[in-house]
Amino acid sequence: MATFEVQGGFPLHGELVPQGAKNEALQIICAALLSEKEIVVDNIPPILDVCSLIELMLDMGVEVKRLSETSCSFKAENINFDYFLTPQFRKKARALRGSIMIVGPLLARFGKAFAPTPGGDKIGRRRLDTHFTGFQNLGARFDYDSTTNFYTVEARKLKGAWMLLDEASVTGTANIIMAATLAEGTTTIYNAACEPYIQQLCKLLVAMGAKINGIGSNLLCIEGVASLHGAHHAILPDMIETGSFIGMAAMTQSEITVKNVSITNLGIIPSQFRRLGIQLEIRGDDIHIPAQETYEIENFIDGSIMTVADAPWPGLTPDLLSVFLVVATQAKGSVLIHQKMFESRLFFVDKLIDMGAQIILCDPHRATVIGHNRQQRLRATMMTSPDIRAGVALLIAAMSAQGTSIIHNIDQIDRGYFKIDERLNAIGARIKRS
């Protein structure tokens, strides 16, 4: 198990470029299964989760060519369906949450698909009902073996349908969209997720020949086509990494410029950081964060404590709440962090409390943070990264703390952040990997 040794208290100075968006990459790579033609994808983040999905695609029979460190071509001309019944497939697919998105494309193109219950972050219940109810609406039948946690989905031919998703699930929406592109007739999806990841997936599918209306809204209409062709696609910069860098700059009193962030696809992320008192300047497509001695959290108009909560796009992404929480520990003022989607995502606050943070965990979904206003620095400690986003939040805390902290299980951080230690060390951090 790899470890970070982090010396805290060193401000950073320089430029950072966010990697390609992890969540988009997982969807785009799975979409290559919809066509036998070549799909070229640029700006792929070479992180653990994405590399694991590419390896799974190779094992399935997809021809993958590495064009550069961040570009690949995919050609799913021949798929080995015998592989899906092997223990190797179950082991690899189970270890990766994004593997569930192979189901929609395989079902649409070949009439059958297989998947084990996927893994991923342990952040609470992450049910798959939205995915499979959507497939059923399109005419598919599915079987679930509870003894092996394995799904089998079949349909002679999918038929377009009207549906209202029970939740605006990003991966569920992506899976249903991909299935609907090759269905007969028109599919209408209400309460669809409309994150930039979904918009990008739809743009790729349209480039492949799909017919999709309503891109960017929560109402999508998809007119099925007989087949899809090849296309070339570039993945957006990762908004979660951009937000992580903004929070890191504030906590470590650093002057950082985050380059090429795709401002138009950040939504309310910059304004939410400003509500915590963090100064940032938009310079073209870059964000400049000056070094700040202090920052003060706003209150609501009536003087009550501000709440920062996640919500479906264009609301605040839940993947950044861990960063907002740790940044608030050194602010002036108090804030309620409300994680609505996952009931286990805030449990990492015990580690911050051990470091001296003033946090009240109200319940599994809510935590009140009383900021130190820099009057008391966090203490170095030994901790374990529980998931990707909490892991980077703990790294930010360690970089601002007094002394040397040890973070175990950093494979969790590597799943979502490419060579984060090397990139931060290049602008002044002191992080040692062992």
Protein backbone atom coordinates (compact mmCIF):
# COMPACT_ATOMS: atom_id res chain seq x y z
CA MET A 1 0.00 0.00 0.00
CA ALA A 2 1.61 3.27 -1.14
CA THR A 3 2.01 6.22 1.24
CA PHE A 4 2.49 9.99 1.09
CA GLU A 5 4.77 11.74 3.56
CA VAL A 6 3.66 15.38 3.50
CA GLN A 7 5.58 18.26 5.06
CA GLY A 8 3.08 21.00 5.75
CA GLY A 9 3.41 24.75 5.83
CA PHE A 10 5.05 25.38 2.46
CA PRO A 11 3.19 27.79 0.15
CA LEU A 12 3.01 26.97 -3.55
CA HIS A 13 3.72 29.32 -6.42
CA GLY A 14 3.23 28.66 -10.11
CA GLU A 15 0.89 27.21 -12.70
CA LEU A 16 -1.12 24.01 -12.81
CA VAL A 17 -2.99 22.49 -15.75
CA PRO A 18 -5.96 20.26 -14.90
CA GLN A 19 -6.01 16.79 -16.42
CA GLY A 20 -8.84 15.52 -18.60
CA ALA A 21 -12.11 14.91 -16.77
CA LYS A 22 -12.19 11.46 -15.19
CA ASN A 23 -15.99 11.12 -15.17
CA GLU A 24 -16.27 12.14 -18.80
CA ALA A 25 -13.47 9.80 -19.88
CA LEU A 26 -15.20 6.75 -18.40
CA GLN A 27 -18.40 7.50 -20.34
CA ILE A 28 -16.65 8.35 -23.62
CA ILE A 29 -14.55 5.18 -23.60
CA CYS A 30 -17.64 3.03 -23.02
CA ALA A 31 -19.41 4.82 -25.90
CA ALA A 32 -16.81 3.36 -28.29
CA LEU A 33 -18.65 0.03 -27.91
CA LEU A 34 -21.58 1.46 -29.89
CA SER A 35 -19.74 1.33 -33.22
CA GLU A 36 -17.41 -0.97 -35.12
CA LYS A 37 -15.64 2.10 -36.48
CA GLU A 38 -12.66 3.87 -34.93
CA ILE A 39 -13.23 6.39 -32.14
CA VAL A 40 -10.28 8.67 -31.35
CA VAL A 41 -10.24 10.32 -27.92
CA ASP A 42 -7.86 13.09 -26.81
CA ASN A 43 -7.04 14.48 -23.34
CA ILE A 44 -7.62 11.13 -21.60
CA PRO A 45 -6.38 11.34 -17.99
CA PRO A 46 -3.90 8.47 -17.48
CA ILE A 47 -5.18 7.76 -13.96
CA LEU A 48 -5.81 4.36 -12.38
CA ASP A 49 -9.58 4.17 -12.95
CA VAL A 50 -9.34 5.15 -16.61
CA CYS A 51 -6.37 2.83 -17.27
CA SER A 52 -8.31 -0.01 -15.64
CA LEU A 53 -11.28 0.60 -17.95
CA ILE A 54 -9.02 0.67 -21.02
CA GLU A 55 -7.50 -2.63 -19.91
CA LEU A 56 -11.00 -4.07 -19.51
CA MET A 57 -11.86 -2.92 -23.05
CA LEU A 58 -8.77 -4.68 -24.39
CA ASP A 59 -9.76 -7.88 -22.62
CA MET A 60 -13.24 -7.62 -24.16
CA GLY A 61 -11.72 -7.63 -27.65
CA VAL A 62 -11.65 -3.89 -28.38
CA GLU A 63 -8.67 -2.83 -30.46
CA VAL A 64 -6.95 -0.02 -28.55
CA LYS A 65 -4.06 2.02 -29.93
CA ARG A 66 -2.13 4.37 -27.65
CA LEU A 67 -1.47 7.47 -29.78
CA SER A 68 0.16 9.46 -26.97
CA GLU A 69 0.11 9.52 -23.16
CA THR A 70 -3.32 11.19 -23.29
CA SER A 71 -4.76 10.01 -26.64
CA CYS A 72 -6.13 6.63 -27.72
CA SER A 73 -8.13 5.15 -30.55
CA PHE A 74 -10.77 2.49 -29.89
CA LYS A 75 -12.23 0.10 -32.43
CA ALA A 76 -14.87 -2.30 -31.10
CA GLU A 77 -15.24 -4.35 -34.28
CA ASN A 78 -15.10 -7.72 -32.52
CA ILE A 79 -16.29 -8.36 -28.97
CA ASN A 80 -15.45 -11.60 -27.16
CA PHE A 81 -18.67 -12.44 -25.29
CA ASP A 82 -17.12 -15.58 -23.78
CA TYR A 83 -14.90 -13.27 -21.73
CA PHE A 84 -17.92 -11.87 -19.86
CA LEU A 85 -18.54 -15.24 -18.22
CA THR A 86 -15.00 -15.58 -16.85
CA PRO A 87 -13.86 -14.92 -13.28
CA GLN A 88 -11.31 -12.46 -14.69
CA PHE A 89 -14.07 -10.23 -16.08
CA ARG A 90 -16.02 -10.29 -12.84
CA LYS A 91 -12.94 -9.38 -10.81
CA LYS A 92 -11.85 -6.50 -13.06
CA ALA A 93 -15.32 -5.06 -13.65
CA ARG A 94 -16.26 -5.33 -9.98
CA ALA A 95 -13.23 -3.21 -9.02
CA LEU A 96 -14.34 -0.28 -11.19
CA ARG A 97 -17.52 1.76 -10.79
CA GLY A 98 -17.40 2.97 -14.39
CA SER A 99 -17.65 -0.59 -15.72
CA ILE A 100 -21.43 -0.43 -15.35
CA MET A 101 -21.53 1.87 -18.40
CA ILE A 102 -20.54 -0.91 -20.77
CA VAL A 103 -24.05 -2.35 -20.33
CA GLY A 104 -26.02 0.24 -22.32
CA PRO A 105 -23.79 0.17 -25.43
CA LEU A 106 -23.50 -3.64 -25.49
CA LEU A 107 -27.24 -4.08 -25.00
CA ALA A 108 -28.07 -1.63 -27.79
CA ARG A 109 -25.63 -3.03 -30.33
CA PHE A 110 -25.60 -6.75 -29.55
CA GLY A 111 -28.84 -7.36 -27.66
CA LYS A 112 -27.15 -8.63 -24.50
CA ALA A 113 -24.81 -7.45 -21.79
CA PHE A 114 -23.28 -8.70 -18.55
CA ALA A 115 -21.98 -6.91 -15.47
CA PRO A 116 -21.15 -7.64 -11.85
CA THR A 117 -22.16 -5.16 -9.17
CA PRO A 118 -19.42 -2.56 -9.66
CA GLY A 119 -17.02 -1.27 -7.04
CA GLY A 120 -15.66 2.25 -6.67
CA ASP A 121 -15.64 4.59 -3.68
CA LYS A 122 -17.20 3.40 -0.43
CA ILE A 123 -19.28 6.51 0.14
CA GLY A 124 -22.67 4.99 0.87
CA ARG A 125 -25.42 3.32 -1.14
CA ARG A 126 -24.94 3.66 -4.90
CA ARG A 127 -27.90 1.81 -6.31
CA LEU A 128 -28.29 0.80 -9.95
CA ASP A 129 -32.10 0.92 -10.17
CA THR A 130 -32.07 3.95 -12.49
CA HIS A 131 -29.92 2.10 -15.03
CA PHE A 132 -31.93 -1.11 -15.15
CA THR A 133 -35.36 0.52 -14.92
CA GLY A 134 -34.33 2.58 -17.94
CA PHE A 135 -33.29 -0.55 -19.85
CA GLN A 136 -36.60 -2.19 -18.94
CA ASN A 137 -38.46 0.85 -20.26
CA LEU A 138 -36.65 0.29 -23.55
CA GLY A 139 -37.86 -3.32 -23.62
CA ALA A 140 -34.96 -5.20 -22.05
CA ARG A 141 -35.20 -8.06 -19.58
CA PHE A 142 -32.67 -8.44 -16.83
CA ASP A 143 -31.75 -11.12 -14.38
CA TYR A 144 -29.87 -10.57 -11.15
CA ASP A 145 -28.08 -13.43 -9.41
CA SER A 146 -27.91 -12.38 -5.77
CA THR A 147 -25.48 -15.17 -4.92
CA THR A 148 -22.83 -13.83 -7.32
CA ASN A 149 -24.04 -10.20 -7.60
CA PHE A 150 -24.11 -10.58 -11.38
CA TYR A 151 -26.48 -8.97 -13.90
CA THR A 152 -27.53 -10.35 -17.29
CA VAL A 153 -29.52 -8.04 -19.60
CA GLU A 154 -31.10 -9.06 -22.92
CA ALA A 155 -33.33 -7.57 -25.61
CA ARG A 156 -34.04 -8.74 -29.14
CA LYS A 157 -34.43 -5.10 -30.17
CA LEU A 158 -34.74 -2.05 -27.94
CA LYS A 159 -37.78 0.17 -28.51
CA GLY A 160 -37.91 3.91 -27.85
CA ALA A 161 -39.98 4.90 -24.81
CA TRP A 162 -41.07 7.76 -22.55
CA MET A 163 -39.47 7.67 -19.11
CA LEU A 164 -39.03 9.73 -15.96
CA LEU A 165 -35.79 8.89 -14.15
CA ASP A 166 -36.25 8.37 -10.41
CA GLU A 167 -33.02 10.29 -9.82
CA ALA A 168 -30.84 12.51 -12.01
CA SER A 169 -28.07 9.90 -12.00
CA VAL A 170 -25.11 10.87 -14.21
CA THR A 171 -24.01 7.31 -14.98
CA GLY A 172 -27.62 6.13 -15.21
CA THR A 173 -28.45 8.88 -17.70
CA ALA A 174 -25.31 8.10 -19.72
CA ASN A 175 -26.13 4.39 -19.85
CA ILE A 176 -29.72 4.98 -20.98
CA ILE A 177 -28.70 7.58 -23.59
CA MET A 178 -26.20 5.16 -25.12
CA ALA A 179 -28.77 2.37 -25.22
CA ALA A 180 -31.42 4.65 -26.77
CA THR A 181 -29.22 5.80 -29.67
CA LEU A 182 -29.68 2.43 -31.42
CA ALA A 183 -33.26 1.74 -30.26
CA GLU A 184 -36.19 1.76 -32.69
CA GLY A 185 -38.23 4.94 -32.43
CA THR A 186 -37.91 7.92 -30.11
CA THR A 187 -36.87 7.89 -26.47
CA THR A 188 -37.88 10.79 -24.20
CA ILE A 189 -36.01 11.12 -20.91
CA TYR A 190 -37.27 13.47 -18.19
CA ASN A 191 -35.14 14.32 -15.13
CA ALA A 192 -32.00 13.47 -17.08
CA ALA A 193 -28.65 14.52 -15.63
CA CYS A 194 -27.25 17.42 -17.64
CA GLU A 195 -23.69 17.78 -16.29
CA PRO A 196 -20.98 18.80 -18.79
CA TYR A 197 -19.94 15.12 -18.83
CA ILE A 198 -23.38 14.19 -20.21
CA GLN A 199 -23.32 17.09 -22.67
CA GLN A 200 -19.93 15.94 -23.93
CA LEU A 201 -21.16 12.35 -24.29
CA CYS A 202 -24.14 13.57 -26.32
CA LYS A 203 -21.87 15.68 -28.54
CA LEU A 204 -19.70 12.64 -29.25
CA LEU A 205 -22.75 10.51 -30.03
CA VAL A 206 -24.09 13.17 -32.40
CA ALA A 207 -20.69 13.26 -34.12
CA MET A 208 -21.07 9.47 -34.49
CA GLY A 209 -24.45 9.91 -36.17
CA ALA A 210 -26.90 9.85 -33.24
CA LYS A 211 -29.93 12.15 -33.19
CA ILE A 212 -30.28 13.84 -29.80
CA ASN A 213 -32.28 16.97 -28.91
CA GLY A 214 -32.24 18.88 -25.62
CA ILE A 215 -28.50 18.61 -24.92
CA GLY A 216 -27.70 20.66 -21.83
CA SER A 217 -31.21 20.33 -20.38
CA ASN A 218 -32.89 17.70 -18.20
CA LEU A 219 -35.25 16.71 -21.03
CA LEU A 220 -33.64 14.65 -23.78
CA CYS A 221 -35.25 13.30 -26.94
CA ILE A 222 -33.31 10.61 -28.77
CA GLU A 223 -34.36 9.33 -32.17
CA GLY A 224 -32.82 5.91 -32.67
CA VAL A 225 -30.64 5.21 -35.70
CA ALA A 226 -29.61 1.94 -37.34
CA SER A 227 -25.87 2.32 -36.70
CA LEU A 228 -23.18 4.74 -35.59
CA HIS A 229 -19.87 5.58 -37.23
CA GLY A 230 -16.47 6.77 -36.07
CA ALA A 231 -15.60 10.17 -34.58
CA HIS A 232 -12.89 12.24 -32.92
CA HIS A 233 -13.47 13.67 -29.44
CA ALA A 234 -11.53 15.79 -26.93
CA ILE A 235 -12.28 15.45 -23.20
CA LEU A 236 -12.86 18.59 -21.12
CA PRO A 237 -10.50 19.67 -18.32
CA ASP A 238 -11.49 18.11 -15.00
CA MET A 239 -13.67 20.55 -13.04
CA ILE A 240 -13.06 18.56 -9.84
CA GLU A 241 -9.31 18.92 -10.13
CA THR A 242 -9.70 22.63 -10.88
CA GLY A 243 -11.81 23.04 -7.74
CA SER A 244 -9.29 21.03 -5.73
CA PHE A 245 -6.49 23.37 -6.83
CA ILE A 246 -8.53 26.46 -5.87
CA GLY A 247 -9.13 25.04 -2.40
CA MET A 248 -5.49 23.98 -2.08
CA ALA A 249 -4.30 27.51 -2.91
CA ALA A 250 -6.54 29.03 -0.24
CA MET A 251 -5.57 26.55 2.49
CA THR A 252 -1.82 26.83 1.87
CA GLN A 253 -1.82 30.63 1.32
CA SER A 254 -0.43 30.06 -2.16
CA GLU A 255 -0.46 32.04 -5.39
CA ILE A 256 -1.51 29.67 -8.17
CA THR A 257 -2.80 30.04 -11.71
CA VAL A 258 -4.89 27.13 -12.97
CA LYS A 259 -4.57 27.10 -16.76
CA ASN A 260 -7.06 26.14 -19.47
CA VAL A 261 -9.94 25.23 -17.15
CA SER A 262 -12.87 25.65 -19.61
CA ILE A 263 -14.55 28.41 -17.61
CA THR A 264 -17.92 27.94 -19.31
CA ASN A 265 -18.10 24.37 -18.00
CA LEU A 266 -17.33 25.14 -14.34
CA GLY A 267 -20.85 26.29 -13.50
CA ILE A 268 -21.14 27.77 -9.99
CA ILE A 269 -17.85 26.36 -8.71
CA PRO A 270 -15.96 29.70 -8.79
CA SER A 271 -18.84 31.62 -7.18
CA GLN A 272 -19.18 29.02 -4.42
CA PHE A 273 -15.51 29.44 -3.52
CA ARG A 274 -16.05 33.21 -3.46
CA ARG A 275 -18.83 32.65 -0.90
CA LEU A 276 -16.17 31.15 1.36
CA GLY A 277 -14.21 34.39 0.96
CA ILE A 278 -11.67 33.07 -1.50
CA GLN A 279 -10.43 35.60 -4.02
CA LEU A 280 -10.01 34.41 -7.58
CA GLU A 281 -9.64 36.18 -10.89
CA ILE A 282 -10.82 34.87 -14.26
CA ARG A 283 -8.17 35.56 -16.89
CA GLY A 284 -9.47 34.35 -20.22
CA ASP A 285 -9.73 30.58 -19.71
CA ASP A 286 -7.44 30.60 -16.66
CA ILE A 287 -8.17 31.12 -12.95
CA HIS A 288 -5.66 33.06 -10.84
CA ILE A 289 -5.81 32.60 -7.06
CA PRO A 290 -3.70 35.14 -5.14
CA ALA A 291 -2.10 34.31 -1.80
CA GLN A 292 -4.55 35.22 0.97
CA GLU A 293 -3.70 35.65 4.62
CA THR A 294 -7.34 35.16 5.64
CA TYR A 295 -10.73 34.53 4.04
CA GLU A 296 -14.18 35.03 5.56
CA ILE A 297 -17.29 32.92 4.94
CA GLU A 298 -20.41 34.86 3.97
CA ASN A 299 -23.62 34.61 5.96
CA PHE A 300 -27.12 34.54 4.54
CA ILE A 301 -28.94 37.90 4.32
CA ASP A 302 -30.68 37.33 7.68
CA GLY A 303 -27.33 36.65 9.35
CA SER A 304 -27.75 32.87 9.60
CA ILE A 305 -24.94 30.42 8.89
CA MET A 306 -24.43 29.70 5.22
CA THR A 307 -25.10 26.22 3.84
CA VAL A 308 -23.04 24.66 1.06
CA ALA A 309 -24.93 21.72 -0.43
CA ASP A 310 -24.63 19.49 -3.48
CA ALA A 311 -27.32 19.41 -6.15
CA PRO A 312 -27.84 18.10 -9.68
CA TRP A 313 -26.21 20.28 -12.36
CA PRO A 314 -26.15 23.24 -12.61
CA GLY A 315 -25.96 22.92 -8.82
CA LEU A 316 -22.71 22.17 -6.99
CA THR A 317 -21.13 18.81 -7.74
CA PRO A 318 -20.97 16.48 -4.70
CA ASP A 319 -17.40 15.55 -5.65
CA LEU A 320 -16.14 18.92 -4.35
CA LEU A 321 -17.88 19.03 -0.97
CA SER A 322 -14.92 17.32 0.73
CA VAL A 323 -12.66 20.13 -0.53
CA PHE A 324 -15.09 22.86 0.57
CA LEU A 325 -15.26 21.28 4.01
CA VAL A 326 -11.50 21.19 4.56
CA VAL A 327 -11.06 24.74 3.21
CA ALA A 328 -13.66 26.00 5.70
CA THR A 329 -11.57 24.74 8.65
CA GLN A 330 -9.19 27.71 8.30
CA ALA A 331 -11.78 30.34 7.29
CA LYS A 332 -13.24 33.08 9.46
CA GLY A 333 -16.81 32.10 10.23
CA SER A 334 -18.91 28.96 10.13
CA VAL A 335 -20.65 26.92 7.45
CA LEU A 336 -22.96 23.91 7.24
CA ILE A 337 -21.82 21.34 4.67
CA HIS A 338 -24.80 19.28 3.47
CA GLN A 339 -23.92 16.18 1.46
CA LYS A 340 -27.33 15.08 0.20
CA MET A 341 -26.39 12.26 -2.14
CA PHE A 342 -24.09 9.89 -0.21
CA GLU A 343 -24.47 9.08 3.47
CA SER A 344 -20.88 7.93 4.14
CA ARG A 345 -18.93 10.66 2.39
CA LEU A 346 -18.49 12.90 5.44
CA PHE A 347 -17.09 10.29 7.79
CA PHE A 348 -13.54 11.33 6.92
CA VAL A 349 -14.04 14.43 9.13
CA ASP A 350 -12.84 12.34 12.10
CA LYS A 351 -9.34 12.68 10.64
CA LEU A 352 -9.69 16.46 10.43
CA ILE A 353 -10.94 16.61 14.02
CA ASP A 354 -7.83 14.67 15.05
CA MET A 355 -5.81 17.41 13.32
CA GLY A 356 -7.53 20.06 15.44
CA ALA A 357 -10.34 21.15 13.14
CA GLN A 358 -13.57 22.32 14.79
CA ILE A 359 -16.24 20.22 13.12
CA ILE A 360 -19.56 18.90 14.41
CA LEU A 361 -20.80 15.89 12.45
CA CYS A 362 -24.55 16.45 12.81
CA ASP A 363 -25.57 13.24 11.01
CA PRO A 364 -24.26 11.17 8.06
CA HIS A 365 -25.24 13.96 5.64
CA ARG A 366 -24.39 17.19 7.48
CA ALA A 367 -21.35 18.69 9.17
CA THR A 368 -20.93 22.13 10.74
CA VAL A 369 -17.46 23.64 10.41
CA ILE A 370 -16.30 26.42 12.73
CA GLY A 371 -13.29 28.02 11.07
CA HIS A 372 -10.05 28.78 12.93
CA ASN A 373 -9.39 32.02 11.00
CA ARG A 374 -5.71 30.97 10.92
CA GLN A 375 -5.51 31.39 14.70
CA GLN A 376 -4.67 27.71 15.09
CA ARG A 377 -2.98 25.59 12.43
CA LEU A 378 -3.98 22.00 11.87
CA ARG A 379 -1.70 19.40 13.46
CA ALA A 380 0.17 16.80 11.43
CA THR A 381 -1.07 13.25 11.91
CA MET A 382 -1.24 9.79 10.38
CA MET A 383 -4.32 8.98 8.31
CA THR A 384 -5.73 6.74 5.59
CA SER A 385 -7.39 7.90 2.38
CA PRO A 386 -10.94 6.42 2.32
CA ASP A 387 -11.89 7.48 -1.23
CA ILE A 388 -10.72 9.70 -4.09
CA ARG A 389 -12.25 13.01 -3.02
CA ALA A 390 -11.75 12.65 0.73
CA GLY A 391 -8.18 11.57 -0.06
CA VAL A 392 -7.33 14.80 -1.85
CA ALA A 393 -9.08 16.79 0.90
CA LEU A 394 -6.83 15.11 3.47
CA LEU A 395 -3.81 15.88 1.27
CA ILE A 396 -4.81 19.56 1.25
CA ALA A 397 -5.18 19.47 5.04
CA ALA A 398 -1.73 17.86 5.42
CA MET A 399 -0.12 20.47 3.15
CA SER A 400 -1.47 23.24 5.39
CA ALA A 401 -0.70 21.50 8.71
CA GLN A 402 2.19 22.06 11.08
CA GLY A 403 4.65 19.18 10.83
CA THR A 404 4.82 16.02 8.74
CA SER A 405 1.73 13.94 8.03
CA ILE A 406 1.51 10.38 6.71
CA ILE A 407 -1.33 9.41 4.35
CA HIS A 408 -1.80 5.70 3.68
CA ASN A 409 -3.82 4.06 0.89
CA ILE A 410 -2.95 6.77 -1.62
CA ASP A 411 -3.98 4.44 -4.44
CA GLN A 412 -7.39 5.98 -3.79
CA ILE A 413 -6.00 9.42 -4.68
CA ASP A 414 -4.17 8.01 -7.72
CA ARG A 415 -7.49 6.70 -9.03
CA GLY A 416 -8.55 10.28 -9.72
CA TYR A 417 -5.42 12.49 -9.77
CA PHE A 418 -2.51 11.82 -12.12
CA LYS A 419 0.95 12.10 -10.51
CA ILE A 420 -0.46 14.65 -8.07
CA ASP A 421 2.68 14.56 -5.92
CA GLU A 422 5.03 15.32 -8.82
CA ARG A 423 2.85 18.13 -10.16
CA LEU A 424 2.52 19.81 -6.76
CA ASN A 425 6.18 19.33 -5.85
CA ALA A 426 7.09 21.17 -9.05
CA ILE A 427 5.52 24.35 -7.65
CA GLY A 428 6.76 24.09 -4.07
CA ALA A 429 5.00 21.25 -2.24
CA ARG A 430 6.97 18.71 -0.23
CA ILE A 431 5.33 15.35 -0.78
CA LYS A 432 7.28 12.11 -0.71
CA ARG A 433 5.82 8.89 -2.11
CA SER A 434 6.89 5.54 -0.65
